[in-house]
Amino acid sequence: MDPRFVRHALVALHRAGDHSIAELVELFGIGRATVYRALDRNPVDVSADVTLPRVGD
């Protein structure tokens, strides 16, 4: 799997509030430090008004 896709997916899942760090570690099979690093390198743009759709909505 492309590392850029993994980073994008885990950041999106975490920001949507659906998954904890521990769940992302298990889901992607990566270390906690890797998850935190991806989140740190992709800061939230407070000016962006983005709403992610939820499954079932």
Protein backbone atom coordinates (compact mmCIF):
# COMPACT_ATOMS: atom_id res chain seq x y z
CA MET A 1 0.00 0.00 0.00
CA ASP A 2 1.25 3.48 -0.87
CA PRO A 3 2.59 5.21 2.28
CA ARG A 4 1.00 8.52 1.21
CA PHE A 5 -2.40 6.83 1.06
CA VAL A 6 -1.88 5.29 4.51
CA ARG A 7 -0.93 8.69 5.98
CA HIS A 8 -3.90 10.40 4.37
CA ALA A 9 -6.32 7.68 5.46
CA LEU A 10 -5.18 7.50 9.07
CA VAL A 11 -5.17 11.28 9.45
CA ALA A 12 -8.69 11.48 7.98
CA LEU A 13 -9.98 8.67 10.18
CA HIS A 14 -8.51 10.21 13.32
CA ARG A 15 -9.78 13.71 12.53
CA ALA A 16 -13.27 12.37 11.83
CA GLY A 17 -13.28 11.21 15.45
CA ASP A 18 -14.18 7.64 14.58
CA HIS A 19 -10.91 5.98 15.62
CA SER A 20 -8.51 6.28 18.52
CA ILE A 21 -4.74 6.15 18.13
CA ALA A 22 -4.76 2.55 19.41
CA GLU A 23 -7.37 1.55 16.82
CA LEU A 24 -5.34 3.12 14.01
CA VAL A 25 -2.21 1.30 15.17
CA GLU A 26 -4.07 -2.00 14.99
CA LEU A 27 -5.93 -1.21 11.77
CA PHE A 28 -2.84 -0.19 9.80
CA GLY A 29 -0.32 -2.42 11.57
CA ILE A 30 2.00 0.49 12.38
CA GLY A 31 3.53 1.89 15.56
CA ARG A 32 2.05 4.59 17.75
CA ALA A 33 4.98 6.88 16.95
CA THR A 34 4.19 6.56 13.24
CA VAL A 35 0.57 7.61 13.83
CA TYR A 36 1.59 10.60 15.94
CA ARG A 37 4.24 11.57 13.37
CA ALA A 38 1.67 11.51 10.57
CA LEU A 39 -0.72 13.65 12.62
CA ASP A 40 2.04 16.12 13.52
CA ARG A 41 3.13 16.44 9.89
CA ASN A 42 -0.43 17.10 8.72
CA PRO A 43 -1.74 19.85 10.99
CA VAL A 44 -5.38 20.81 10.97
CA ASP A 45 -6.10 23.79 8.72
CA VAL A 46 -8.45 25.82 10.90
CA SER A 47 -9.55 27.88 7.90
CA ALA A 48 -10.78 24.79 6.06
CA ASP A 49 -14.46 24.01 6.40
CA VAL A 50 -14.50 20.32 5.57
CA THR A 51 -17.11 17.84 6.73
CA LEU A 52 -16.40 14.17 6.19
CA PRO A 53 -19.43 12.02 5.47
CA ARG A 54 -20.23 9.31 7.98
CA VAL A 55 -21.16 5.82 6.92
CA GLY A 56 -24.89 5.38 7.03
CA ASP A 57 -25.79 9.07 6.72
